[in-house]
Amino acid sequence: NGQGVTQDYKQAKYWYEKAAENGNAMAMKNLGVLYENGRGVTQDYEKAKYWYKKGCDAGDNSCCEKLKNLE
């Protein structure tokens, strides 16, 4: 959340990707949010959908909702 340090979305993306590679559904959702909102990355709804789908498939219901809202 950046409390106590400067927010760095590119660094966050790096760590979210590492966690997502290990099956962390929350990290998949967070990657989707970065791509949906263009934070630290170029806004890309297809990549956002990709990460929300992976998170949904991993059992994160909030990813399923976010995916539904983008379709």
N, C-alpha and C. Protein backbone atom coordinates (compact mmCIF):
# COMPACT_ATOMS: atom_id res chain seq x y z
N ASN A 1 0.80 -1.19 0.00
CA ASN A 1 0.00 0.00 0.00
C ASN A 1 0.85 1.26 0.00
N GLY A 2 2.14 1.12 0.10
CA GLY A 2 3.02 2.27 0.02
C GLY A 2 3.16 3.07 1.30
N GLN A 3 2.56 2.64 2.40
CA GLN A 3 2.68 3.39 3.64
C GLN A 3 4.12 3.34 4.14
N GLY A 4 4.68 4.51 4.40
CA GLY A 4 6.03 4.59 4.92
C GLY A 4 7.11 4.56 3.86
N VAL A 5 6.75 4.29 2.63
CA VAL A 5 7.69 4.28 1.51
C VAL A 5 6.99 4.88 0.29
N THR A 6 7.77 5.22 -0.70
CA THR A 6 7.21 5.72 -1.95
C THR A 6 6.57 4.56 -2.71
N GLN A 7 5.35 4.77 -3.20
CA GLN A 7 4.71 3.72 -3.99
C GLN A 7 5.49 3.51 -5.29
N ASP A 8 5.69 2.27 -5.64
CA ASP A 8 6.43 1.92 -6.85
C ASP A 8 5.67 0.79 -7.53
N TYR A 9 4.80 1.14 -8.47
CA TYR A 9 3.97 0.14 -9.12
C TYR A 9 4.78 -0.84 -9.96
N LYS A 10 5.89 -0.38 -10.53
CA LYS A 10 6.73 -1.30 -11.31
C LYS A 10 7.35 -2.37 -10.42
N GLN A 11 7.77 -1.96 -9.24
CA GLN A 11 8.32 -2.92 -8.28
C GLN A 11 7.22 -3.86 -7.79
N ALA A 12 6.05 -3.29 -7.55
CA ALA A 12 4.91 -4.12 -7.12
C ALA A 12 4.60 -5.16 -8.19
N LYS A 13 4.60 -4.74 -9.45
CA LYS A 13 4.33 -5.66 -10.55
C LYS A 13 5.33 -6.81 -10.54
N TYR A 14 6.59 -6.51 -10.34
CA TYR A 14 7.63 -7.54 -10.30
C TYR A 14 7.30 -8.60 -9.24
N TRP A 15 6.96 -8.15 -8.03
CA TRP A 15 6.69 -9.10 -6.95
C TRP A 15 5.36 -9.81 -7.14
N TYR A 16 4.36 -9.12 -7.68
CA TYR A 16 3.09 -9.79 -7.97
C TYR A 16 3.29 -10.90 -9.00
N GLU A 17 4.14 -10.64 -10.01
CA GLU A 17 4.41 -11.67 -11.02
C GLU A 17 5.07 -12.89 -10.38
N LYS A 18 6.02 -12.65 -9.49
CA LYS A 18 6.69 -13.76 -8.80
C LYS A 18 5.67 -14.59 -8.02
N ALA A 19 4.80 -13.91 -7.29
CA ALA A 19 3.80 -14.61 -6.50
C ALA A 19 2.79 -15.32 -7.39
N ALA A 20 2.39 -14.68 -8.49
CA ALA A 20 1.43 -15.29 -9.41
C ALA A 20 2.01 -16.55 -10.04
N GLU A 21 3.30 -16.53 -10.35
CA GLU A 21 3.97 -17.72 -10.90
C GLU A 21 3.88 -18.90 -9.94
N ASN A 22 3.75 -18.60 -8.66
CA ASN A 22 3.64 -19.64 -7.64
C ASN A 22 2.20 -19.92 -7.23
N GLY A 23 1.26 -19.44 -8.04
CA GLY A 23 -0.14 -19.77 -7.83
C GLY A 23 -0.91 -18.88 -6.88
N ASN A 24 -0.36 -17.73 -6.52
CA ASN A 24 -1.03 -16.83 -5.58
C ASN A 24 -2.13 -16.04 -6.30
N ALA A 25 -3.39 -16.38 -5.99
CA ALA A 25 -4.53 -15.76 -6.67
C ALA A 25 -4.65 -14.27 -6.35
N MET A 26 -4.28 -13.85 -5.15
CA MET A 26 -4.36 -12.43 -4.82
C MET A 26 -3.39 -11.63 -5.68
N ALA A 27 -2.22 -12.18 -5.94
CA ALA A 27 -1.25 -11.52 -6.81
C ALA A 27 -1.80 -11.43 -8.23
N MET A 28 -2.50 -12.47 -8.67
CA MET A 28 -3.11 -12.45 -10.00
C MET A 28 -4.14 -11.32 -10.08
N LYS A 29 -4.93 -11.17 -9.03
CA LYS A 29 -5.92 -10.09 -8.99
C LYS A 29 -5.21 -8.74 -9.02
N ASN A 30 -4.16 -8.60 -8.24
CA ASN A 30 -3.44 -7.33 -8.19
C ASN A 30 -2.81 -6.98 -9.54
N LEU A 31 -2.32 -7.98 -10.26
CA LEU A 31 -1.81 -7.73 -11.61
C LEU A 31 -2.93 -7.26 -12.52
N GLY A 32 -4.09 -7.89 -12.40
CA GLY A 32 -5.25 -7.45 -13.18
C GLY A 32 -5.59 -6.01 -12.90
N VAL A 33 -5.55 -5.62 -11.64
CA VAL A 33 -5.86 -4.23 -11.26
C VAL A 33 -4.83 -3.27 -11.86
N LEU A 34 -3.55 -3.64 -11.81
CA LEU A 34 -2.52 -2.78 -12.40
C LEU A 34 -2.80 -2.56 -13.88
N TYR A 35 -3.09 -3.63 -14.61
CA TYR A 35 -3.34 -3.50 -16.04
C TYR A 35 -4.66 -2.80 -16.34
N GLU A 36 -5.67 -3.05 -15.54
CA GLU A 36 -6.96 -2.40 -15.76
C GLU A 36 -6.85 -0.88 -15.59
N ASN A 37 -6.07 -0.46 -14.61
CA ASN A 37 -5.97 0.96 -14.28
C ASN A 37 -4.73 1.65 -14.84
N GLY A 38 -3.83 0.89 -15.47
CA GLY A 38 -2.63 1.48 -16.04
C GLY A 38 -1.66 2.01 -15.00
N ARG A 39 -1.51 1.30 -13.91
CA ARG A 39 -0.59 1.72 -12.85
C ARG A 39 0.72 0.96 -12.97
N GLY A 40 1.78 1.67 -13.37
CA GLY A 40 3.09 1.06 -13.52
C GLY A 40 3.24 0.28 -14.81
N VAL A 41 2.15 0.20 -15.58
CA VAL A 41 2.13 -0.51 -16.86
C VAL A 41 1.24 0.28 -17.82
N THR A 42 1.34 -0.02 -19.10
CA THR A 42 0.40 0.55 -20.05
C THR A 42 -0.96 -0.10 -19.82
N GLN A 43 -2.00 0.71 -19.77
CA GLN A 43 -3.34 0.16 -19.56
C GLN A 43 -3.65 -0.84 -20.66
N ASP A 44 -4.09 -2.03 -20.26
CA ASP A 44 -4.33 -3.11 -21.22
C ASP A 44 -5.43 -4.01 -20.66
N TYR A 45 -6.64 -3.84 -21.19
CA TYR A 45 -7.77 -4.61 -20.68
C TYR A 45 -7.65 -6.10 -20.97
N GLU A 46 -7.00 -6.46 -22.07
CA GLU A 46 -6.82 -7.89 -22.38
C GLU A 46 -5.91 -8.55 -21.35
N LYS A 47 -4.84 -7.87 -20.96
CA LYS A 47 -3.96 -8.42 -19.93
C LYS A 47 -4.67 -8.45 -18.58
N ALA A 48 -5.48 -7.43 -18.31
CA ALA A 48 -6.25 -7.43 -17.06
C ALA A 48 -7.18 -8.63 -17.04
N LYS A 49 -7.87 -8.87 -18.15
CA LYS A 49 -8.77 -10.03 -18.23
C LYS A 49 -8.00 -11.33 -18.06
N TYR A 50 -6.83 -11.42 -18.66
CA TYR A 50 -5.99 -12.62 -18.53
C TYR A 50 -5.71 -12.92 -17.06
N TRP A 51 -5.28 -11.90 -16.32
CA TRP A 51 -4.93 -12.12 -14.92
C TRP A 51 -6.16 -12.38 -14.06
N TYR A 52 -7.27 -11.70 -14.36
CA TYR A 52 -8.49 -11.97 -13.61
C TYR A 52 -8.97 -13.39 -13.87
N LYS A 53 -8.84 -13.86 -15.11
CA LYS A 53 -9.25 -15.23 -15.45
C LYS A 53 -8.40 -16.24 -14.69
N LYS A 54 -7.08 -16.00 -14.67
CA LYS A 54 -6.19 -16.91 -13.93
C LYS A 54 -6.55 -16.93 -12.45
N GLY A 55 -6.83 -15.76 -11.89
CA GLY A 55 -7.21 -15.68 -10.48
C GLY A 55 -8.54 -16.36 -10.22
N CYS A 56 -9.48 -16.18 -11.13
CA CYS A 56 -10.78 -16.83 -11.01
C CYS A 56 -10.61 -18.35 -11.05
N ASP A 57 -9.81 -18.82 -12.00
CA ASP A 57 -9.55 -20.26 -12.11
C ASP A 57 -8.85 -20.81 -10.87
N ALA A 58 -8.11 -19.93 -10.18
CA ALA A 58 -7.40 -20.34 -8.96
C ALA A 58 -8.31 -20.25 -7.72
N GLY A 59 -9.56 -19.82 -7.93
CA GLY A 59 -10.51 -19.83 -6.83
C GLY A 59 -10.80 -18.50 -6.17
N ASP A 60 -10.30 -17.40 -6.73
CA ASP A 60 -10.56 -16.08 -6.15
C ASP A 60 -11.83 -15.50 -6.77
N ASN A 61 -12.92 -15.51 -6.01
CA ASN A 61 -14.21 -15.05 -6.53
C ASN A 61 -14.21 -13.58 -6.93
N SER A 62 -13.39 -12.76 -6.27
CA SER A 62 -13.35 -11.35 -6.65
C SER A 62 -12.75 -11.19 -8.05
N CYS A 63 -11.85 -12.09 -8.43
CA CYS A 63 -11.32 -12.08 -9.80
C CYS A 63 -12.43 -12.42 -10.79
N CYS A 64 -13.28 -13.36 -10.42
CA CYS A 64 -14.39 -13.73 -11.30
C CYS A 64 -15.31 -12.54 -11.52
N GLU A 65 -15.57 -11.78 -10.47
CA GLU A 65 -16.42 -10.58 -10.58
C GLU A 65 -15.77 -9.52 -11.44
N LYS A 66 -14.47 -9.29 -11.22
CA LYS A 66 -13.76 -8.28 -12.00
C LYS A 66 -13.73 -8.67 -13.48
N LEU A 67 -13.54 -9.96 -13.75
CA LEU A 67 -13.54 -10.44 -15.12
C LEU A 67 -14.91 -10.21 -15.75
N LYS A 68 -15.94 -10.53 -15.03
CA LYS A 68 -17.31 -10.34 -15.52
C LYS A 68 -17.58 -8.87 -15.85
N ASN A 69 -17.08 -7.96 -15.02
CA ASN A 69 -17.28 -6.53 -15.24
C ASN A 69 -16.55 -6.01 -16.47
N LEU A 70 -15.47 -6.67 -16.87
CA LEU A 70 -14.71 -6.23 -18.05
C LEU A 70 -15.23 -6.82 -19.35
N GLU A 71 -16.05 -7.86 -19.25
CA GLU A 71 -16.51 -8.51 -20.48
C GLU A 71 -17.79 -7.90 -20.99
